[in-house]
Amino acid sequence: WFHSVPGGIKPLSHDYSSICVSPVSGMKEKGLEWVKTTIMTKYGRISFSWDTGGEIPRMYIVAPAGVKVQTPEGVFDGDGTGHNVPDLSYPW
């Protein structure tokens, strides 16, 4: 539950080969200013974090090769390195 609701990692396929990262809006009003979460899949570890504590809200995703990641701003293929996710349109 934690990795998918406040954490924002949602499977688009049953085996997590395709995921969406988008935390549920309204978390800040519920007292959460940041979350870091990880889930293990058969492809490897998927990690996602978001933080609304600074001037600009930030999201960061690490996904292994073989995982397609959909973000609020587009889609990319996981490669085992981290990516800052543009989040200008996200409804914090």
C-alpha atoms as a PDB file:
ATOM      1  CA  TRP A   1       0.000   0.000   0.000  1.00  0.00           C
ATOM      2  CA  PHE A   2       2.659   2.573   0.989  1.00  0.00           C
ATOM      3  CA  HIS A   3       4.687   2.266  -2.213  1.00  0.00           C
ATOM      4  CA  SER A   4       1.582   2.771  -4.360  1.00  0.00           C
ATOM      5  CA  VAL A   5      -0.506   5.451  -2.582  1.00  0.00           C
ATOM      6  CA  PRO A   6       1.751   8.002  -0.874  1.00  0.00           C
ATOM      7  CA  GLY A   7       4.795   6.538  -2.635  1.00  0.00           C
ATOM      8  CA  GLY A   8       3.238   6.804  -6.069  1.00  0.00           C
ATOM      9  CA  ILE A   9       4.598   3.624  -7.759  1.00  0.00           C
ATOM     10  CA  LYS A  10       1.719   1.977  -9.633  1.00  0.00           C
ATOM     11  CA  PRO A  11       2.040  -1.067 -11.908  1.00  0.00           C
ATOM     12  CA  LEU A  12       0.658  -0.706 -15.434  1.00  0.00           C
ATOM     13  CA  SER A  13       1.437  -4.379 -16.051  1.00  0.00           C
ATOM     14  CA  HIS A  14       1.125  -7.312 -13.646  1.00  0.00           C
ATOM     15  CA  ASP A  15       4.901  -7.902 -13.578  1.00  0.00           C
ATOM     16  CA  TYR A  16       5.930  -4.231 -13.146  1.00  0.00           C
ATOM     17  CA  SER A  17       7.561  -4.107 -16.603  1.00  0.00           C
ATOM     18  CA  SER A  18       5.549  -0.926 -17.063  1.00  0.00           C
ATOM     19  CA  ILE A  19       4.853   1.460 -14.188  1.00  0.00           C
ATOM     20  CA  CYS A  20       3.423   4.891 -13.537  1.00  0.00           C
ATOM     21  CA  VAL A  21       4.856   7.224 -10.904  1.00  0.00           C
ATOM     22  CA  SER A  22       2.336   9.700  -9.524  1.00  0.00           C
ATOM     23  CA  PRO A  23       1.689  10.172  -5.814  1.00  0.00           C
ATOM     24  CA  VAL A  24      -1.907  10.729  -4.772  1.00  0.00           C
ATOM     25  CA  SER A  25      -2.561  14.462  -4.636  1.00  0.00           C
ATOM     26  CA  GLY A  26      -3.345  15.970  -1.253  1.00  0.00           C
ATOM     27  CA  MET A  27      -0.584  14.194   0.656  1.00  0.00           C
ATOM     28  CA  LYS A  28       0.903  17.525   1.780  1.00  0.00           C
ATOM     29  CA  GLU A  29      -2.435  18.547   3.313  1.00  0.00           C
ATOM     30  CA  LYS A  30      -2.422  15.239   5.196  1.00  0.00           C
ATOM     31  CA  GLY A  31       0.946  16.089   6.753  1.00  0.00           C
ATOM     32  CA  LEU A  32       3.317  14.314   4.345  1.00  0.00           C
ATOM     33  CA  GLU A  33       5.965  16.595   2.883  1.00  0.00           C
ATOM     34  CA  TRP A  34       8.218  13.831   1.530  1.00  0.00           C
ATOM     35  CA  VAL A  35       8.251  10.101   0.815  1.00  0.00           C
ATOM     36  CA  LYS A  36      10.973   7.650  -0.237  1.00  0.00           C
ATOM     37  CA  THR A  37       9.844   4.168  -1.199  1.00  0.00           C
ATOM     38  CA  THR A  38      11.239   1.072  -2.913  1.00  0.00           C
ATOM     39  CA  ILE A  39       9.713  -2.076  -4.324  1.00  0.00           C
ATOM     40  CA  MET A  40      11.540  -5.186  -5.544  1.00  0.00           C
ATOM     41  CA  THR A  41      10.416  -6.639  -8.871  1.00  0.00           C
ATOM     42  CA  LYS A  42      11.745  -9.463 -11.032  1.00  0.00           C
ATOM     43  CA  TYR A  43      13.599  -6.754 -12.993  1.00  0.00           C
ATOM     44  CA  GLY A  44      15.229  -5.339  -9.869  1.00  0.00           C
ATOM     45  CA  ARG A  45      14.617  -2.517  -7.426  1.00  0.00           C
ATOM     46  CA  ILE A  46      12.366   0.432  -8.308  1.00  0.00           C
ATOM     47  CA  SER A  47      12.865   3.475  -6.067  1.00  0.00           C
ATOM     48  CA  PHE A  48      10.846   6.658  -6.091  1.00  0.00           C
ATOM     49  CA  SER A  49      10.901   9.736  -3.901  1.00  0.00           C
ATOM     50  CA  TRP A  50       9.122  13.039  -3.797  1.00  0.00           C
ATOM     51  CA  ASP A  51       9.577  16.105  -1.637  1.00  0.00           C
ATOM     52  CA  THR A  52       7.382  19.201  -1.315  1.00  0.00           C
ATOM     53  CA  GLY A  53       9.418  20.822   1.456  1.00  0.00           C
ATOM     54  CA  GLY A  54      11.483  23.179  -0.707  1.00  0.00           C
ATOM     55  CA  GLU A  55      10.553  25.984  -3.040  1.00  0.00           C
ATOM     56  CA  ILE A  56      10.032  23.575  -5.944  1.00  0.00           C
ATOM     57  CA  PRO A  57       8.412  20.140  -5.442  1.00  0.00           C
ATOM     58  CA  ARG A  58      10.762  17.370  -6.612  1.00  0.00           C
ATOM     59  CA  MET A  59      10.343  13.784  -7.790  1.00  0.00           C
ATOM     60  CA  TYR A  60      13.162  11.277  -8.385  1.00  0.00           C
ATOM     61  CA  ILE A  61      12.921   7.761  -9.869  1.00  0.00           C
ATOM     62  CA  VAL A  62      15.390   4.895 -10.274  1.00  0.00           C
ATOM     63  CA  ALA A  63      14.138   1.999 -12.408  1.00  0.00           C
ATOM     64  CA  PRO A  64      16.078  -0.995 -13.732  1.00  0.00           C
ATOM     65  CA  ALA A  65      16.523  -1.886 -17.389  1.00  0.00           C
ATOM     66  CA  GLY A  66      13.436  -3.581 -18.767  1.00  0.00           C
ATOM     67  CA  VAL A  67      10.998  -1.277 -16.967  1.00  0.00           C
ATOM     68  CA  LYS A  68       9.085   1.393 -18.869  1.00  0.00           C
ATOM     69  CA  VAL A  69       8.280   4.385 -16.627  1.00  0.00           C
ATOM     70  CA  GLN A  70       5.358   6.738 -17.212  1.00  0.00           C
ATOM     71  CA  THR A  71       5.608  10.081 -15.413  1.00  0.00           C
ATOM     72  CA  PRO A  72       3.349  13.154 -15.414  1.00  0.00           C
ATOM     73  CA  GLU A  73       5.635  14.590 -18.124  1.00  0.00           C
ATOM     74  CA  GLY A  74       6.284  11.591 -20.387  1.00  0.00           C
ATOM     75  CA  VAL A  75       7.636   8.033 -20.672  1.00  0.00           C
ATOM     76  CA  PHE A  76      11.207   6.712 -20.422  1.00  0.00           C
ATOM     77  CA  ASP A  77      12.938   3.331 -20.271  1.00  0.00           C
ATOM     78  CA  GLY A  78      14.576   2.382 -16.993  1.00  0.00           C
ATOM     79  CA  ASP A  79      18.337   2.051 -17.166  1.00  0.00           C
ATOM     80  CA  GLY A  80      19.371   1.606 -13.527  1.00  0.00           C
ATOM     81  CA  THR A  81      20.303   5.265 -13.079  1.00  0.00           C
ATOM     82  CA  GLY A  82      18.307   7.978 -11.383  1.00  0.00           C
ATOM     83  CA  HIS A  83      16.128  10.538 -13.125  1.00  0.00           C
ATOM     84  CA  ASN A  84      14.690  13.795 -11.876  1.00  0.00           C
ATOM     85  CA  VAL A  85      11.055  13.904 -12.918  1.00  0.00           C
ATOM     86  CA  PRO A  86       9.771  17.253 -14.133  1.00  0.00           C
ATOM     87  CA  ASP A  87       6.704  17.928 -12.062  1.00  0.00           C
ATOM     88  CA  LEU A  88       5.590  21.441 -12.926  1.00  0.00           C
ATOM     89  CA  SER A  89       2.068  20.255 -13.716  1.00  0.00           C
ATOM     90  CA  TYR A  90       1.666  17.920 -10.719  1.00  0.00           C
ATOM     91  CA  PRO A  91      -1.263  18.889  -8.410  1.00  0.00           C
ATOM     92  CA  TRP A  92       0.457  19.005  -5.025  1.00  0.00           C
END
